[in-house]
């Protein structure tokens, strides 16, 4: 009883086409479901954040996994 932990508030914080400033968080995640593109860096806890001002853009790319299978990966960029 009384042992529920607080939620971690993961997920998208900025959508496609929205303006963003330097240092703002774009996505909070566990693991690398979303990959960083141009002007985006990965934090210590896999959070994606902006290193330039601009607009957020999401795109998809096929990536080969370690066992040879292809997987569609979402790339996050700031333009």
N, C-alpha and C. Protein backbone atom coordinates (compact mmCIF):
# COMPACT_ATOMS: atom_id res chain seq x y z
N UNK A 1 0.84 -1.19 0.00
CA UNK A 1 0.00 0.00 0.00
C UNK A 1 0.88 1.25 0.00
N UNK A 2 0.46 2.25 -0.77
CA UNK A 2 1.16 3.52 -0.77
C UNK A 2 2.52 3.49 -1.44
N UNK A 3 2.76 2.52 -2.34
CA UNK A 3 4.07 2.41 -2.95
C UNK A 3 4.09 2.78 -4.43
N UNK A 4 3.05 3.41 -4.93
CA UNK A 4 3.03 3.81 -6.33
C UNK A 4 4.02 4.95 -6.54
N UNK A 5 4.87 4.81 -7.57
CA UNK A 5 5.82 5.87 -7.87
C UNK A 5 5.18 6.89 -8.79
N UNK A 6 5.76 8.08 -8.82
CA UNK A 6 5.26 9.14 -9.70
C UNK A 6 5.53 8.78 -11.15
N UNK A 7 4.64 9.19 -12.05
CA UNK A 7 4.84 8.90 -13.47
C UNK A 7 6.05 9.64 -13.99
N UNK A 8 6.67 9.11 -15.05
CA UNK A 8 7.93 9.70 -15.54
C UNK A 8 7.72 10.75 -16.61
N UNK A 9 6.48 10.94 -17.08
CA UNK A 9 6.14 11.97 -18.07
C UNK A 9 6.97 11.87 -19.34
N UNK A 10 7.03 10.65 -19.88
CA UNK A 10 7.78 10.40 -21.10
C UNK A 10 6.93 10.76 -22.32
N UNK A 11 7.58 10.86 -23.48
CA UNK A 11 6.86 11.06 -24.73
C UNK A 11 7.26 12.31 -25.47
N UNK A 12 6.50 12.63 -26.53
CA UNK A 12 6.76 13.79 -27.36
C UNK A 12 6.42 15.06 -26.60
N UNK A 13 7.30 16.04 -26.66
CA UNK A 13 7.05 17.34 -26.04
C UNK A 13 6.82 18.42 -27.09
N UNK A 14 7.37 18.21 -28.31
CA UNK A 14 7.21 19.16 -29.41
C UNK A 14 6.84 18.37 -30.67
N UNK A 15 5.82 18.82 -31.38
CA UNK A 15 5.35 18.13 -32.57
C UNK A 15 6.03 18.64 -33.84
N UNK A 16 5.80 17.94 -34.95
CA UNK A 16 6.35 18.29 -36.26
C UNK A 16 5.91 19.70 -36.66
N UNK A 17 6.88 20.53 -37.07
CA UNK A 17 6.58 21.86 -37.55
C UNK A 17 6.54 22.94 -36.49
N UNK A 18 6.62 22.58 -35.23
CA UNK A 18 6.59 23.58 -34.16
C UNK A 18 7.96 24.21 -33.97
N UNK A 19 7.97 25.47 -33.57
CA UNK A 19 9.22 26.19 -33.32
C UNK A 19 9.83 25.73 -32.00
N UNK A 20 11.17 25.76 -31.95
CA UNK A 20 11.88 25.32 -30.75
C UNK A 20 13.13 26.17 -30.56
N UNK A 21 13.55 26.33 -29.31
CA UNK A 21 14.75 27.11 -28.99
C UNK A 21 15.89 26.17 -28.60
N UNK A 22 17.08 26.72 -28.49
CA UNK A 22 18.26 25.94 -28.10
C UNK A 22 18.05 25.36 -26.70
N UNK A 23 18.35 24.07 -26.55
CA UNK A 23 18.29 23.42 -25.25
C UNK A 23 16.94 22.87 -24.85
N UNK A 24 15.90 23.14 -25.62
CA UNK A 24 14.58 22.62 -25.26
C UNK A 24 14.48 21.13 -25.55
N UNK A 25 13.73 20.44 -24.69
CA UNK A 25 13.53 19.00 -24.84
C UNK A 25 12.49 18.74 -25.93
N UNK A 26 12.82 17.81 -26.83
CA UNK A 26 11.90 17.44 -27.90
C UNK A 26 11.15 16.17 -27.52
N UNK A 27 11.89 15.14 -27.05
CA UNK A 27 11.29 13.86 -26.68
C UNK A 27 11.98 13.33 -25.43
N UNK A 28 11.17 12.84 -24.48
CA UNK A 28 11.72 12.12 -23.33
C UNK A 28 11.39 10.66 -23.56
N UNK A 29 12.42 9.79 -23.52
CA UNK A 29 12.23 8.38 -23.85
C UNK A 29 13.16 7.50 -23.04
N UNK A 30 12.84 6.23 -23.03
CA UNK A 30 13.72 5.20 -22.46
C UNK A 30 14.17 4.34 -23.63
N UNK A 31 15.47 4.22 -23.82
CA UNK A 31 15.97 3.54 -25.00
C UNK A 31 16.01 4.53 -26.16
N UNK A 32 16.21 4.01 -27.37
CA UNK A 32 16.31 4.90 -28.52
C UNK A 32 15.23 4.60 -29.55
N UNK A 33 13.98 4.76 -29.17
CA UNK A 33 12.87 4.59 -30.10
C UNK A 33 12.97 5.63 -31.20
N UNK A 34 13.32 6.87 -30.85
CA UNK A 34 13.54 7.95 -31.80
C UNK A 34 15.04 8.23 -31.86
N UNK A 35 15.55 8.46 -33.07
CA UNK A 35 16.99 8.70 -33.24
C UNK A 35 17.24 10.18 -33.52
N UNK A 36 18.40 10.72 -33.11
CA UNK A 36 18.70 12.13 -33.35
C UNK A 36 19.14 12.36 -34.80
N UNK A 37 18.72 13.48 -35.36
CA UNK A 37 19.14 13.89 -36.70
C UNK A 37 19.99 15.15 -36.58
N UNK A 38 19.87 16.04 -37.55
CA UNK A 38 20.66 17.27 -37.53
C UNK A 38 20.16 18.21 -36.43
N UNK A 39 21.10 18.84 -35.75
CA UNK A 39 20.84 19.81 -34.67
C UNK A 39 20.09 19.22 -33.48
N UNK A 40 20.21 17.91 -33.28
CA UNK A 40 19.58 17.24 -32.13
C UNK A 40 20.63 16.37 -31.46
N UNK A 41 20.68 16.40 -30.13
CA UNK A 41 21.62 15.59 -29.35
C UNK A 41 20.84 14.70 -28.39
N UNK A 42 21.54 13.66 -27.89
CA UNK A 42 20.94 12.71 -26.94
C UNK A 42 21.50 12.97 -25.56
N UNK A 43 20.63 13.10 -24.58
CA UNK A 43 21.04 13.29 -23.20
C UNK A 43 21.41 11.97 -22.55
N UNK A 44 21.87 12.04 -21.32
CA UNK A 44 22.32 10.86 -20.58
C UNK A 44 21.19 9.84 -20.36
N UNK A 45 19.96 10.33 -20.26
CA UNK A 45 18.81 9.44 -20.05
C UNK A 45 18.02 9.21 -21.34
N UNK A 46 18.70 9.32 -22.51
CA UNK A 46 18.14 9.09 -23.84
C UNK A 46 17.15 10.18 -24.27
N UNK A 47 17.10 11.30 -23.56
CA UNK A 47 16.25 12.42 -23.95
C UNK A 47 16.84 13.11 -25.17
N UNK A 48 16.00 13.46 -26.14
CA UNK A 48 16.45 14.20 -27.31
C UNK A 48 16.18 15.68 -27.08
N UNK A 49 17.22 16.52 -27.32
CA UNK A 49 17.07 17.96 -27.12
C UNK A 49 17.70 18.72 -28.28
N UNK A 50 17.29 19.97 -28.44
CA UNK A 50 17.72 20.80 -29.55
C UNK A 50 19.04 21.50 -29.25
N UNK A 51 19.92 21.61 -30.26
CA UNK A 51 21.15 22.39 -30.11
C UNK A 51 21.14 23.60 -31.04
N UNK A 52 19.98 23.88 -31.66
CA UNK A 52 19.81 25.04 -32.52
C UNK A 52 18.34 25.45 -32.50
N UNK A 53 18.08 26.71 -32.77
CA UNK A 53 16.70 27.17 -32.90
C UNK A 53 16.18 26.84 -34.28
N UNK A 54 14.89 26.60 -34.39
CA UNK A 54 14.30 26.28 -35.68
C UNK A 54 12.99 25.55 -35.51
N UNK A 55 12.63 24.76 -36.53
CA UNK A 55 11.40 23.98 -36.48
C UNK A 55 11.73 22.50 -36.45
N UNK A 56 10.95 21.75 -35.70
CA UNK A 56 11.16 20.31 -35.54
C UNK A 56 10.61 19.58 -36.76
N UNK A 57 11.37 18.59 -37.24
CA UNK A 57 10.94 17.77 -38.37
C UNK A 57 11.17 16.30 -38.04
N UNK A 58 10.16 15.48 -38.32
CA UNK A 58 10.27 14.03 -38.14
C UNK A 58 10.34 13.38 -39.51
N UNK A 59 11.20 12.39 -39.66
CA UNK A 59 11.29 11.63 -40.91
C UNK A 59 11.55 10.17 -40.56
N UNK A 60 11.40 9.30 -41.55
CA UNK A 60 11.60 7.87 -41.33
C UNK A 60 12.73 7.37 -42.21
N UNK A 61 13.48 6.37 -41.70
CA UNK A 61 14.57 5.78 -42.45
C UNK A 61 14.66 4.30 -42.08
N UNK A 62 14.96 3.46 -43.06
CA UNK A 62 15.14 2.03 -42.79
C UNK A 62 16.54 1.82 -42.25
N UNK A 63 16.64 1.11 -41.13
CA UNK A 63 17.92 0.84 -40.48
C UNK A 63 18.08 -0.67 -40.36
N UNK A 64 19.29 -1.17 -40.65
CA UNK A 64 19.58 -2.59 -40.50
C UNK A 64 19.95 -2.88 -39.06
N UNK A 65 19.25 -3.82 -38.45
CA UNK A 65 19.54 -4.20 -37.07
C UNK A 65 20.72 -5.18 -37.05
N UNK A 66 21.21 -5.51 -35.88
CA UNK A 66 22.39 -6.36 -35.74
C UNK A 66 22.21 -7.76 -36.31
N UNK A 67 20.96 -8.23 -36.40
CA UNK A 67 20.72 -9.57 -36.94
C UNK A 67 20.34 -9.55 -38.43
N UNK A 68 20.47 -8.41 -39.08
CA UNK A 68 20.23 -8.30 -40.51
C UNK A 68 18.83 -7.86 -40.90
N UNK A 69 17.91 -7.79 -39.94
CA UNK A 69 16.55 -7.36 -40.25
C UNK A 69 16.49 -5.85 -40.45
N UNK A 70 15.53 -5.40 -41.27
CA UNK A 70 15.32 -3.97 -41.47
C UNK A 70 14.23 -3.49 -40.53
N UNK A 71 14.42 -2.28 -39.99
CA UNK A 71 13.44 -1.68 -39.10
C UNK A 71 13.27 -0.23 -39.50
N UNK A 72 12.05 0.27 -39.46
CA UNK A 72 11.78 1.66 -39.76
C UNK A 72 12.05 2.49 -38.51
N UNK A 73 12.96 3.45 -38.60
CA UNK A 73 13.36 4.26 -37.46
C UNK A 73 12.90 5.70 -37.69
N UNK A 74 12.40 6.36 -36.67
CA UNK A 74 12.00 7.76 -36.77
C UNK A 74 13.18 8.65 -36.40
N UNK A 75 13.52 9.57 -37.30
CA UNK A 75 14.64 10.49 -37.10
C UNK A 75 14.06 11.87 -36.77
N UNK A 76 14.59 12.49 -35.71
CA UNK A 76 14.14 13.81 -35.28
C UNK A 76 15.21 14.83 -35.60
N UNK A 77 14.84 15.91 -36.33
CA UNK A 77 15.79 16.95 -36.72
C UNK A 77 15.21 18.32 -36.38
N UNK A 78 16.10 19.31 -36.32
CA UNK A 78 15.68 20.71 -36.19
C UNK A 78 16.22 21.44 -37.40
N UNK A 79 15.34 22.06 -38.16
CA UNK A 79 15.75 22.75 -39.39
C UNK A 79 15.72 24.25 -39.20
